[in-house]
Amino acid sequence: MLSSLAAGFALGLSLIVAIGAQNLFVLRQGVRREHVAAVAIVCAASDAALIAVGVAGLGAALQAVPWLVDVVRWAGAAFLLAYALLAARRAWRPTGATFAGATDAAGATDPASTRDEVASAPPHATVTRPRLAPVLLTCLALTWLNPHVYLDTVFLLGSIASTHGDLRWVFAFGAMTASATWFFSLAYGARYLGRWLSTPRAWRVLDGLIAVVMAGLAVSLVLPH
């Protein structure tokens, strides 16, 4: 039982710990300290649901309908490209949310410099915090519109879990535990990056990197495999 649990944890962690759209979004929310717990819960719960689907054998049903994976692939590429354009816009022309992110990242480390940064914002920049619903919808889209999630989590984990026989759900629990551990560690550990992201300029650089990665992922989804 411990062997199956460890195997599931190791494989689940190896599939999750990679630079991707979902992890970048969790990282950004963690640094900004915005709806951190809700985002981590949604990501962990989504992974748990996908793992359960794969272990239950429904991955074979999806494999019998290959066009469904193509639909998800193109929808995911479109969403990633749209998100990349939004990130590029934030990097090129920051809004009040950018300055709010710098304020949150700085925390109480240097309140005087934070006030100076916010005071230097353009007159039209209004510091606002995003509502929970749009954040969770974005998180769900980045998770469920990613075809790699179905290939890795549903097909791969499901097929490997089947090799553990009666202990396949123990294997699945190990993979779910790895997912929850990673997302909560990433979400809450990201706040320690605040000292490097305490200025609007740093946030513009981060948004620029996010835009490049998201656009690259979108292109990779539609390229011939």
Protein backbone atom coordinates (compact mmCIF):
# COMPACT_ATOMS: atom_id res chain seq x y z
CA MET A 1 0.00 0.00 0.00
CA LEU A 2 2.79 2.43 0.88
CA SER A 3 4.55 1.57 -2.37
CA SER A 4 1.46 2.45 -4.43
CA LEU A 5 0.92 5.62 -2.40
CA ALA A 6 4.52 6.74 -2.92
CA ALA A 7 4.41 5.87 -6.62
CA GLY A 8 1.25 7.93 -7.11
CA PHE A 9 2.70 10.86 -5.18
CA ALA A 10 5.96 10.81 -7.15
CA LEU A 11 4.31 10.54 -10.56
CA GLY A 12 1.67 13.14 -9.72
CA LEU A 13 4.30 15.61 -8.53
CA SER A 14 6.51 15.04 -11.57
CA LEU A 15 3.60 15.82 -13.91
CA ILE A 16 2.51 18.95 -12.04
CA VAL A 17 5.84 20.63 -11.30
CA ALA A 18 6.48 22.28 -14.65
CA ILE A 19 6.21 25.79 -16.04
CA GLY A 20 2.74 26.08 -17.44
CA ALA A 21 -0.25 28.38 -17.68
CA GLN A 22 -1.89 27.07 -14.52
CA ASN A 23 1.23 27.27 -12.38
CA LEU A 24 2.01 30.78 -13.62
CA PHE A 25 -1.50 31.90 -12.72
CA VAL A 26 -1.24 30.37 -9.23
CA LEU A 27 2.17 31.99 -8.80
CA ARG A 28 0.85 35.41 -9.80
CA GLN A 29 -2.13 35.17 -7.47
CA GLY A 30 0.13 34.05 -4.64
CA VAL A 31 2.53 36.95 -5.09
CA ARG A 32 -0.37 39.41 -5.22
CA ARG A 33 -2.03 37.65 -2.24
CA GLU A 34 -5.39 37.69 -3.99
CA HIS A 35 -7.85 34.84 -3.34
CA VAL A 36 -4.90 32.53 -2.67
CA ALA A 37 -6.78 29.81 -0.78
CA ALA A 38 -9.65 29.74 -3.27
CA VAL A 39 -7.29 29.41 -6.26
CA ALA A 40 -5.29 26.61 -4.61
CA ILE A 41 -8.49 24.76 -3.66
CA VAL A 42 -9.90 25.02 -7.20
CA CYS A 43 -6.66 23.72 -8.75
CA ALA A 44 -6.29 20.85 -6.28
CA ALA A 45 -9.98 19.88 -6.55
CA SER A 46 -9.86 19.97 -10.35
CA ASP A 47 -6.80 17.74 -10.40
CA ALA A 48 -8.43 15.35 -7.95
CA ALA A 49 -11.52 15.14 -10.17
CA LEU A 50 -9.43 14.51 -13.28
CA ILE A 51 -7.36 11.85 -11.53
CA ALA A 52 -10.53 10.13 -10.33
CA VAL A 53 -11.92 10.20 -13.87
CA GLY A 54 -8.75 8.61 -15.23
CA VAL A 55 -8.58 5.92 -12.55
CA ALA A 56 -12.28 5.13 -13.01
CA GLY A 57 -11.53 4.20 -16.61
CA LEU A 58 -13.30 7.06 -18.35
CA GLY A 59 -10.01 8.01 -19.98
CA ALA A 60 -10.53 5.09 -22.36
CA ALA A 61 -13.88 6.57 -23.36
CA LEU A 62 -12.26 9.92 -24.19
CA GLN A 63 -9.60 8.10 -26.17
CA ALA A 64 -12.37 6.61 -28.30
CA VAL A 65 -13.53 10.14 -29.18
CA PRO A 66 -10.31 11.79 -30.43
CA TRP A 67 -12.08 14.83 -31.87
CA LEU A 68 -13.02 15.91 -28.34
CA VAL A 69 -9.34 16.34 -27.49
CA ASP A 70 -8.91 18.49 -30.63
CA VAL A 71 -11.80 20.71 -29.57
CA VAL A 72 -10.21 21.22 -26.16
CA ARG A 73 -6.83 21.83 -27.78
CA TRP A 74 -8.06 24.68 -30.02
CA ALA A 75 -10.24 26.19 -27.29
CA GLY A 76 -7.29 26.10 -24.91
CA ALA A 77 -5.01 27.73 -27.47
CA ALA A 78 -7.52 30.54 -28.03
CA PHE A 79 -7.88 31.15 -24.32
CA LEU A 80 -4.12 31.13 -23.70
CA LEU A 81 -3.58 33.58 -26.53
CA ALA A 82 -6.24 35.91 -25.12
CA TYR A 83 -4.65 35.71 -21.68
CA ALA A 84 -1.23 36.42 -23.22
CA LEU A 85 -2.61 39.55 -24.88
CA LEU A 86 -4.05 40.74 -21.57
CA ALA A 87 -0.72 40.15 -19.82
CA ALA A 88 1.11 41.96 -22.63
CA ARG A 89 -1.28 44.87 -22.25
CA ARG A 90 -0.58 45.04 -18.50
CA ALA A 91 3.14 45.01 -19.20
CA TRP A 92 2.92 47.71 -21.89
CA ARG A 93 0.41 49.97 -20.18
CA PRO A 94 0.02 49.14 -16.47
CA THR A 95 -3.25 49.96 -14.73
CA GLY A 96 -4.17 50.44 -11.11
CA ALA A 97 -4.11 46.66 -10.61
CA THR A 98 -0.37 46.67 -11.37
CA PHE A 99 0.28 49.21 -8.66
CA ALA A 100 -1.97 47.29 -6.30
CA GLY A 101 0.13 44.19 -7.01
CA ALA A 102 3.30 46.09 -6.14
CA THR A 103 1.67 47.30 -2.94
CA ASP A 104 0.58 43.79 -1.94
CA ALA A 105 3.97 42.31 -2.81
CA ALA A 106 5.80 44.91 -0.78
CA GLY A 107 3.56 44.28 2.22
CA ALA A 108 4.79 45.99 5.31
CA THR A 109 8.44 45.72 4.33
CA ASP A 110 8.82 49.29 3.14
CA PRO A 111 5.59 51.25 3.41
CA ALA A 112 7.21 54.56 2.59
CA SER A 113 8.60 53.36 -0.74
CA THR A 114 5.30 51.65 -1.49
CA ARG A 115 3.40 54.90 -0.98
CA ASP A 116 5.86 56.67 -3.24
CA GLU A 117 5.38 54.07 -5.98
CA VAL A 118 1.60 54.27 -5.78
CA ALA A 119 1.72 58.05 -5.65
CA SER A 120 3.73 58.03 -8.87
CA ALA A 121 1.02 56.09 -10.68
CA PRO A 122 -0.80 57.80 -13.54
CA PRO A 123 -3.73 59.95 -12.38
CA HIS A 124 -6.24 57.65 -14.06
CA ALA A 125 -4.89 54.52 -12.33
CA THR A 126 -7.39 53.28 -9.77
CA VAL A 127 -6.16 50.67 -7.29
CA THR A 128 -8.74 47.89 -7.30
CA ARG A 129 -8.78 44.24 -6.34
CA PRO A 130 -10.37 41.71 -8.69
CA ARG A 131 -13.54 39.96 -7.64
CA LEU A 132 -13.48 36.29 -6.73
CA ALA A 133 -15.73 35.02 -9.54
CA PRO A 134 -13.58 36.21 -12.51
CA VAL A 135 -10.44 34.88 -10.82
CA LEU A 136 -11.96 31.45 -10.28
CA LEU A 137 -13.37 31.34 -13.82
CA THR A 138 -9.92 32.12 -15.21
CA CYS A 139 -8.40 29.43 -12.99
CA LEU A 140 -10.97 26.86 -14.16
CA ALA A 141 -10.42 27.77 -17.81
CA LEU A 142 -6.63 27.46 -17.50
CA THR A 143 -7.14 24.04 -15.92
CA TRP A 144 -9.93 22.44 -17.94
CA LEU A 145 -9.06 23.92 -21.35
CA ASN A 146 -5.55 22.49 -21.22
CA PRO A 147 -5.40 19.32 -23.35
CA HIS A 148 -2.19 18.25 -21.62
CA VAL A 149 -4.24 17.82 -18.45
CA TYR A 150 -6.30 15.13 -20.17
CA LEU A 151 -3.28 13.46 -21.75
CA ASP A 152 -1.20 13.44 -18.56
CA THR A 153 -3.70 13.33 -15.72
CA VAL A 154 -6.54 11.32 -17.25
CA PHE A 155 -4.81 9.02 -19.75
CA LEU A 156 -1.33 8.57 -18.29
CA LEU A 157 -2.16 8.52 -14.58
CA GLY A 158 -5.28 6.45 -15.24
CA SER A 159 -3.42 3.84 -17.24
CA ILE A 160 -0.55 3.57 -14.76
CA ALA A 161 -2.98 3.38 -11.85
CA SER A 162 -4.63 0.37 -13.49
CA THR A 163 -1.33 -1.55 -13.15
CA HIS A 164 -1.68 -1.36 -9.36
CA GLY A 165 -4.80 -3.52 -9.42
CA ASP A 166 -6.85 -3.28 -6.25
CA LEU A 167 -4.52 -0.56 -4.96
CA ARG A 168 -5.19 1.78 -7.88
CA TRP A 169 -7.20 4.14 -5.68
CA VAL A 170 -4.32 4.26 -3.19
CA PHE A 171 -2.12 5.25 -6.13
CA ALA A 172 -4.72 7.87 -7.08
CA PHE A 173 -4.81 9.24 -3.52
CA GLY A 174 -1.02 9.63 -3.64
CA ALA A 175 -1.29 11.61 -6.88
CA MET A 176 -4.09 13.78 -5.44
CA THR A 177 -2.00 14.45 -2.34
CA ALA A 178 0.93 15.52 -4.51
CA SER A 179 -1.31 17.90 -6.44
CA ALA A 180 -2.73 19.52 -3.30
CA THR A 181 0.74 19.79 -1.74
CA TRP A 182 2.16 21.48 -4.82
CA PHE A 183 -0.61 24.02 -5.40
CA PHE A 184 -0.84 25.13 -1.77
CA SER A 185 2.96 25.32 -1.51
CA LEU A 186 3.18 27.35 -4.71
CA ALA A 187 0.29 29.66 -3.81
CA TYR A 188 1.42 30.44 -0.28
CA GLY A 189 5.17 30.23 -0.95
CA ALA A 190 4.93 32.79 -3.76
CA ARG A 191 4.42 35.61 -1.26
CA TYR A 192 8.10 35.35 -0.32
CA LEU A 193 8.93 36.66 -3.79
CA GLY A 194 7.40 39.99 -2.74
CA ARG A 195 10.76 41.62 -2.04
CA TRP A 196 11.72 41.17 -5.70
CA LEU A 197 8.29 42.24 -6.98
CA SER A 198 7.74 45.30 -4.84
CA THR A 199 7.76 47.84 -7.68
CA PRO A 200 5.46 48.36 -10.69
CA ARG A 201 8.46 47.91 -13.01
CA ALA A 202 9.08 44.40 -11.64
CA TRP A 203 5.43 43.54 -12.20
CA ARG A 204 5.64 44.78 -15.79
CA VAL A 205 8.58 42.43 -16.35
CA LEU A 206 6.67 39.52 -14.79
CA ASP A 207 3.60 40.22 -16.92
CA GLY A 208 5.82 40.40 -19.99
CA LEU A 209 7.29 36.97 -19.20
CA ILE A 210 3.80 35.58 -18.58
CA ALA A 211 2.66 36.93 -21.95
CA VAL A 212 5.59 35.27 -23.75
CA VAL A 213 5.08 31.91 -22.01
CA MET A 214 1.30 31.91 -22.53
CA ALA A 215 1.66 32.79 -26.23
CA GLY A 216 4.30 30.08 -26.65
CA LEU A 217 2.03 27.51 -25.02
CA ALA A 218 -0.87 28.58 -27.26
CA VAL A 219 1.25 28.11 -30.38
CA SER A 220 2.54 24.76 -29.17
CA LEU A 221 -1.02 23.46 -28.78
CA VAL A 222 -1.94 24.04 -32.41
CA LEU A 223 1.33 22.89 -33.97
CA PRO A 224 1.31 19.40 -35.53
CA HIS A 225 2.06 16.72 -32.96
